[in-house]
Amino acid sequence: MIQFNWPWVFLLTPLPWLIHHYYSRQTLTAIRIPPVLEQSLQTLVSKTPVKLSIRPILMWLCWLSLLTSVAQPWRQGDAIVQPASGRAMALAVDVSGSMKRQDYSLDGVTQDRLSVVKKVAHDFIVQRQGDRVSLVLYGKQAFIASPLTFDLHALSSILNSAGIGMAGQSTAIGDAIGLAIQTLQGDPATQKAIVLLSDGTNNAGSVEPESAALLAHSLGIRVHTIALGSVDGERGGYRIAQSADLDQDTLKAIAEQAGGQFFRATNTADLQQIYTAIDALERADVAAPPVIIRHDLRQWPQALLMLCVLSIAYVQRIYT
């Protein structure tokens, strides 16, 4: 069904006829109507069956085509579900030097911590369909690797290309939270959250983690924290403290102050379960509203208008 944005424009349909019949030639001359317009008006209302009798028809078609185009016709398409869910999330991933420790296994093979995080986080990211997700990588410095985006596969590729130590060897947890807040603060999403993963302690940067957590809370942004690191083990007959640098107390305080939850991942299975739990926590129950697609039809009356103008020029050339 064809609809119009400005249907009232069709009230102007009889305008040429009204101008011709309610104003005499003297009046038209007095108000200095251009000769071309005067001739066109006379042609529109002409009733004389002469050689150019086709011209009034073409002129009326021109006028009606112009009005139809100005009225902006459109046709309703199929309704689709809007991809936006009203949720925005920032992932803050530690890429400091300690992430090179190989105390996790993936598919039966011992891997460094960052490789395991990349695999588990990828599965988490691609399930966030309809969400806008950003990525913050941090070590001694923190930087925004990706702003909020719907392109989750591209964001996962950015994370996959991250290297250990690319942002420095130490850990700036406070700066990472601050940048994550920056990516979320101006977004109109109704639900906002930060998921921060760290295997160390805050020993760099200019922002205290607790202060950043309080700022997030004041802005309505939840912060979930993941403490990464296996339990103590043995290697070569020596006892190894794999998580000696892990500051669980600070990560717990961040989550508590920012309305989030604290998680402890001692192995790959724990990490997978944690991301599954966060996925459940940050799910919205309200379905996305439908979007109605409109197909613009103005090109058809515009094409007819052009065809009529060319036809009038052709007829004029033949009979003159």
Protein backbone atom coordinates (compact mmCIF):
# COMPACT_ATOMS: atom_id res chain seq x y z
CA MET A 1 0.00 0.00 0.00
CA ILE A 2 1.38 3.38 -1.07
CA GLN A 3 1.37 6.17 1.50
CA PHE A 4 2.47 9.82 1.40
CA ASN A 5 4.37 11.93 3.90
CA TRP A 6 2.65 15.13 2.69
CA PRO A 7 -0.71 14.09 1.15
CA TRP A 8 -2.11 17.61 1.54
CA VAL A 9 0.03 18.64 -1.45
CA PHE A 10 -2.62 17.14 -3.74
CA LEU A 11 -4.96 19.97 -2.73
CA LEU A 12 -2.93 22.04 -5.19
CA THR A 13 -4.06 19.87 -8.13
CA PRO A 14 -6.62 22.38 -9.54
CA LEU A 15 -4.30 25.35 -9.05
CA PRO A 16 -3.49 25.87 -12.80
CA TRP A 17 -7.18 25.77 -13.70
CA LEU A 18 -8.06 28.24 -10.92
CA ILE A 19 -5.34 30.66 -11.94
CA HIS A 20 -6.50 30.61 -15.56
CA HIS A 21 -10.23 31.01 -14.93
CA TYR A 22 -10.21 33.47 -12.05
CA TYR A 23 -7.76 35.91 -13.53
CA SER A 24 -8.21 37.57 -16.86
CA ARG A 25 -5.43 38.06 -19.35
CA GLN A 26 -5.21 41.71 -18.27
CA THR A 27 -4.72 40.68 -14.63
CA LEU A 28 -2.10 38.17 -15.63
CA THR A 29 -0.33 40.84 -17.64
CA ALA A 30 -0.63 43.35 -14.81
CA ILE A 31 1.13 41.09 -12.34
CA ARG A 32 3.76 40.38 -14.98
CA ILE A 33 3.42 36.64 -15.26
CA PRO A 34 6.35 35.34 -17.34
CA PRO A 35 5.27 34.49 -20.93
CA VAL A 36 6.44 30.89 -20.57
CA LEU A 37 4.29 30.36 -17.45
CA GLU A 38 1.31 32.10 -19.05
CA GLN A 39 1.56 29.86 -22.11
CA SER A 40 1.82 26.78 -19.91
CA LEU A 41 -1.29 27.77 -17.93
CA GLN A 42 -3.23 28.31 -21.11
CA THR A 43 -2.09 24.98 -22.42
CA LEU A 44 -3.15 23.19 -19.23
CA VAL A 45 -6.75 24.40 -19.54
CA SER A 46 -6.99 24.43 -23.29
CA LYS A 47 -10.06 22.72 -24.74
CA THR A 48 -9.33 23.30 -28.42
CA PRO A 49 -8.79 20.04 -30.36
CA VAL A 50 -5.84 21.23 -32.39
CA LYS A 51 -2.63 19.56 -33.44
CA LEU A 52 -1.14 20.25 -30.05
CA SER A 53 -4.05 18.72 -28.13
CA ILE A 54 -1.61 16.20 -26.67
CA ARG A 55 0.19 19.02 -24.91
CA PRO A 56 -2.52 19.70 -22.29
CA ILE A 57 -2.42 16.03 -21.31
CA LEU A 58 1.34 16.07 -21.03
CA MET A 59 1.28 19.31 -19.07
CA TRP A 60 -1.25 17.90 -16.61
CA LEU A 61 0.88 14.77 -16.25
CA CYS A 62 3.88 16.99 -15.52
CA TRP A 63 1.93 18.86 -12.87
CA LEU A 64 0.57 15.69 -11.24
CA SER A 65 4.01 14.04 -11.32
CA LEU A 66 5.52 17.07 -9.64
CA LEU A 67 2.87 17.05 -6.91
CA THR A 68 3.27 13.31 -6.37
CA SER A 69 7.02 13.67 -5.99
CA VAL A 70 6.64 16.55 -3.52
CA ALA A 71 4.12 14.48 -1.52
CA GLN A 72 6.91 11.90 -0.99
CA PRO A 73 5.28 8.53 -1.69
CA TRP A 74 6.57 5.44 0.10
CA ARG A 75 5.66 1.81 0.60
CA GLN A 76 5.96 -0.08 3.85
CA GLY A 77 8.36 -3.02 3.82
CA ASP A 78 8.65 -5.97 6.11
CA ALA A 79 9.17 -5.36 9.82
CA ILE A 80 12.56 -6.46 11.14
CA VAL A 81 13.93 -6.70 14.65
CA GLN A 82 16.22 -3.87 15.62
CA PRO A 83 19.69 -5.22 16.43
CA ALA A 84 20.26 -2.79 19.29
CA SER A 85 19.48 -4.22 22.71
CA GLY A 86 20.05 -1.09 24.76
CA ARG A 87 23.14 -2.60 26.42
CA ALA A 88 26.74 -1.45 26.25
CA MET A 89 29.75 -3.26 27.66
CA ALA A 90 33.46 -2.58 27.93
CA LEU A 91 36.00 -5.40 28.23
CA ALA A 92 39.24 -4.44 29.99
CA VAL A 93 41.89 -7.10 29.42
CA ASP A 94 45.28 -7.26 31.11
CA VAL A 95 48.16 -7.68 28.63
CA SER A 96 50.98 -7.03 31.10
CA GLY A 97 54.12 -9.15 31.26
CA SER A 98 52.69 -11.57 33.82
CA MET A 99 50.15 -12.79 31.26
CA LYS A 100 52.93 -14.85 29.66
CA ARG A 101 52.90 -17.37 32.52
CA GLN A 102 51.94 -20.80 31.26
CA ASP A 103 49.76 -22.18 34.02
CA TYR A 104 46.55 -22.80 32.05
CA SER A 105 45.70 -25.54 29.59
CA LEU A 106 43.65 -25.28 26.43
CA ASP A 107 42.52 -28.42 24.61
CA GLY A 108 44.98 -30.41 26.68
CA VAL A 109 47.94 -28.18 25.82
CA THR A 110 49.59 -25.83 28.32
CA GLN A 111 49.19 -22.25 27.17
CA ASP A 112 50.05 -18.79 28.41
CA ARG A 113 47.29 -16.89 30.20
CA LEU A 114 46.57 -14.42 27.41
CA SER A 115 46.07 -17.17 24.81
CA VAL A 116 43.46 -18.82 27.03
CA VAL A 117 41.75 -15.48 27.67
CA LYS A 118 41.58 -14.79 23.93
CA LYS A 119 39.83 -18.11 23.28
CA VAL A 120 37.34 -17.87 26.14
CA ALA A 121 36.66 -14.15 25.62
CA HIS A 122 36.02 -14.75 21.90
CA ASP A 123 33.19 -17.16 22.72
CA PHE A 124 31.79 -14.61 25.16
CA ILE A 125 32.02 -11.69 22.72
CA VAL A 126 30.31 -13.34 19.74
CA GLN A 127 27.33 -14.24 21.96
CA ARG A 128 26.66 -10.58 22.72
CA GLN A 129 24.57 -10.10 19.57
CA GLY A 130 22.67 -6.83 19.75
CA ASP A 131 25.08 -5.31 22.27
CA ARG A 132 27.65 -2.62 21.70
CA VAL A 133 31.00 -3.75 23.05
CA SER A 134 34.29 -1.89 23.43
CA LEU A 135 37.77 -3.18 24.24
CA VAL A 136 40.40 -1.67 26.54
CA LEU A 137 43.86 -3.25 26.71
CA TYR A 138 46.17 -2.28 29.53
CA GLY A 139 49.57 -2.88 31.04
CA LYS A 140 51.68 -0.01 32.30
CA GLN A 141 49.46 2.19 30.11
CA ALA A 142 45.86 1.67 29.10
CA PHE A 143 44.43 2.37 25.65
CA ILE A 144 41.14 1.94 23.83
CA ALA A 145 41.68 -0.84 21.30
CA SER A 146 38.11 -0.56 20.01
CA PRO A 147 35.28 1.90 20.73
CA LEU A 148 31.75 0.61 21.20
CA THR A 149 30.76 -1.41 18.16
CA PHE A 150 28.19 -3.88 16.89
CA ASP A 151 30.90 -5.64 14.85
CA LEU A 152 31.74 -8.26 17.43
CA HIS A 153 33.84 -10.40 15.10
CA ALA A 154 36.06 -7.41 14.29
CA LEU A 155 36.41 -6.66 18.01
CA SER A 156 37.34 -10.29 18.69
CA SER A 157 39.98 -10.08 15.95
CA ILE A 158 41.47 -7.01 17.63
CA LEU A 159 41.69 -8.90 20.92
CA ASN A 160 43.23 -11.88 19.15
CA SER A 161 45.98 -9.66 17.73
CA ALA A 162 46.93 -8.28 21.17
CA GLY A 163 50.40 -9.18 22.37
CA ILE A 164 51.79 -9.69 25.84
CA GLY A 165 53.64 -6.60 27.06
CA MET A 166 52.41 -4.39 24.20
CA ALA A 167 51.21 -1.81 26.76
CA GLY A 168 54.09 -2.29 29.18
CA GLN A 169 55.04 -4.86 31.78
CA SER A 170 53.27 -3.47 34.87
CA THR A 171 49.53 -3.13 35.58
CA ALA A 172 47.43 0.06 35.59
CA ILE A 173 44.03 -1.21 36.72
CA GLY A 174 42.67 2.22 37.67
CA ASP A 175 43.55 3.73 34.29
CA ALA A 176 41.90 0.79 32.53
CA ILE A 177 38.63 1.33 34.41
CA GLY A 178 38.82 5.06 33.68
CA LEU A 179 39.17 4.49 29.93
CA ALA A 180 36.40 1.88 29.98
CA ILE A 181 34.14 4.45 31.66
CA GLN A 182 35.08 6.93 28.95
CA THR A 183 33.88 4.58 26.21
CA LEU A 184 30.55 4.04 27.99
CA GLN A 185 29.79 7.41 29.56
CA GLY A 186 28.26 9.15 26.54
CA ASP A 187 26.40 6.12 25.21
CA PRO A 188 22.56 6.20 25.47
CA ALA A 189 22.37 2.52 26.53
CA THR A 190 20.12 1.77 29.48
CA GLN A 191 22.45 -0.96 30.79
CA LYS A 192 26.21 -0.47 31.03
CA ALA A 193 28.87 -2.74 32.46
CA ILE A 194 32.63 -3.20 32.56
CA VAL A 195 34.27 -6.62 32.73
CA LEU A 196 37.83 -6.23 33.99
CA LEU A 197 40.30 -9.12 33.93
CA SER A 198 43.63 -8.95 35.73
CA ASP A 199 46.30 -11.32 37.01
CA GLY A 200 48.29 -8.75 38.99
CA THR A 201 48.15 -5.79 41.30
CA ASN A 202 47.73 -2.12 40.51
CA ASN A 203 51.32 -0.84 40.33
CA ALA A 204 51.13 1.77 37.57
CA GLY A 205 48.96 4.56 36.28
CA SER A 206 47.61 7.76 37.80
CA VAL A 207 44.11 6.62 38.86
CA GLU A 208 43.35 4.64 41.99
CA PRO A 209 41.16 1.58 41.18
CA GLU A 210 38.77 2.27 44.07
CA SER A 211 38.26 5.87 42.93
CA ALA A 212 37.54 4.70 39.39
CA ALA A 213 35.05 2.15 40.75
CA LEU A 214 33.20 4.85 42.70
CA LEU A 215 33.02 7.00 39.57
CA ALA A 216 31.59 4.08 37.60
CA HIS A 217 28.97 3.48 40.28
CA SER A 218 27.94 7.16 40.25
CA LEU A 219 27.40 6.91 36.48
CA GLY A 220 25.32 3.75 36.74
CA ILE A 221 28.04 1.48 35.34
CA ARG A 222 28.58 -1.90 36.98
CA VAL A 223 32.09 -3.33 37.15
CA HIS A 224 32.64 -7.09 37.25
CA THR A 225 36.20 -8.21 38.05
CA ILE A 226 37.97 -11.47 37.22
CA ALA A 227 41.08 -12.47 39.14
CA LEU A 228 43.18 -14.68 36.88
CA GLY A 229 45.85 -17.11 38.04
CA SER A 230 46.20 -20.77 38.92
CA VAL A 231 46.75 -22.16 42.39
CA ASP A 232 50.25 -22.89 43.65
CA GLY A 233 51.91 -25.86 42.05
CA GLU A 234 55.22 -27.58 41.56
CA ARG A 235 57.66 -27.48 38.68
CA GLY A 236 60.94 -29.39 38.65
CA GLY A 237 60.52 -30.32 42.29
CA TYR A 238 60.11 -26.70 43.39
CA ARG A 239 56.93 -25.13 44.69
CA ILE A 240 55.76 -22.23 42.53
CA ALA A 241 53.48 -19.41 43.65
CA GLN A 242 51.74 -18.74 40.32
CA SER A 243 49.46 -16.04 41.70
CA ALA A 244 51.86 -14.30 44.07
CA ASP A 245 51.27 -10.94 42.36
CA LEU A 246 47.48 -11.24 42.28
CA ASP A 247 45.70 -8.60 44.37
CA GLN A 248 42.32 -10.19 45.01
CA ASP A 249 41.38 -7.71 47.71
CA THR A 250 41.57 -4.76 45.33
CA LEU A 251 39.55 -6.57 42.66
CA LYS A 252 36.91 -7.51 45.23
CA ALA A 253 36.71 -3.91 46.43
CA ILE A 254 36.27 -2.65 42.86
CA ALA A 255 33.38 -5.03 42.20
CA GLU A 256 31.72 -4.24 45.54
CA GLN A 257 31.94 -0.48 45.12
CA ALA A 258 30.73 -0.53 41.50
CA GLY A 259 27.77 -2.87 42.04
CA GLY A 260 29.35 -5.80 40.20
CA GLN A 261 30.60 -9.22 41.15
CA PHE A 262 34.05 -10.61 41.80
CA PHE A 263 35.17 -13.90 40.21
CA ARG A 264 38.24 -16.06 40.70
CA ALA A 265 39.51 -18.13 37.77
CA THR A 266 42.08 -20.76 38.70
CA ASN A 267 41.81 -22.76 35.47
CA THR A 268 40.30 -22.64 31.99
CA ALA A 269 37.04 -24.26 33.06
CA ASP A 270 36.61 -21.64 35.79
CA LEU A 271 37.17 -18.85 33.28
CA GLN A 272 34.59 -20.28 30.89
CA GLN A 273 32.04 -20.59 33.67
CA ILE A 274 32.74 -17.02 34.80
CA TYR A 275 32.07 -15.55 31.36
CA THR A 276 28.90 -17.64 31.16
CA ALA A 277 27.79 -16.23 34.53
CA ILE A 278 28.53 -12.66 33.43
CA ASP A 279 26.64 -13.27 30.21
CA ALA A 280 23.59 -14.28 32.27
CA LEU A 281 23.97 -11.27 34.58
CA GLU A 282 24.07 -8.79 31.72
CA ARG A 283 21.12 -10.11 29.73
CA ALA A 284 18.07 -7.90 29.17
CA ASP A 285 14.59 -9.41 29.37
CA VAL A 286 12.96 -6.82 27.11
CA ALA A 287 12.93 -7.67 23.41
CA ALA A 288 14.22 -5.09 20.96
CA PRO A 289 11.45 -2.98 19.37
CA PRO A 290 10.64 -3.60 15.70
CA VAL A 291 11.81 -1.26 12.98
CA ILE A 292 9.56 -0.54 9.99
CA ILE A 293 11.44 -0.31 6.71
CA ARG A 294 10.20 2.32 4.26
CA HIS A 295 10.84 2.09 0.53
CA ASP A 296 11.04 5.54 -1.06
CA LEU A 297 9.01 5.74 -4.32
CA ARG A 298 9.77 9.32 -5.36
CA GLN A 299 11.96 8.17 -8.24
CA TRP A 300 8.91 6.97 -10.20
CA PRO A 301 6.98 10.27 -10.40
CA GLN A 302 10.26 12.05 -11.00
CA ALA A 303 11.00 9.74 -13.92
CA LEU A 304 7.48 10.33 -15.30
CA LEU A 305 7.97 14.09 -14.95
CA MET A 306 11.20 13.94 -16.94
CA LEU A 307 9.54 11.79 -19.62
CA CYS A 308 6.63 14.23 -19.96
CA VAL A 309 8.97 17.21 -20.26
CA LEU A 310 10.92 15.48 -23.02
CA SER A 311 7.66 14.54 -24.77
CA ILE A 312 6.42 18.13 -24.65
CA ALA A 313 9.70 19.34 -26.13
CA TYR A 314 9.43 16.73 -28.87
CA VAL A 315 5.80 17.63 -29.73
CA GLN A 316 6.65 21.32 -29.73
CA ARG A 317 9.50 20.73 -32.16
CA ILE A 318 7.35 18.72 -34.56
CA TYR A 319 4.37 21.08 -34.78
CA THR A 320 6.20 24.38 -34.78
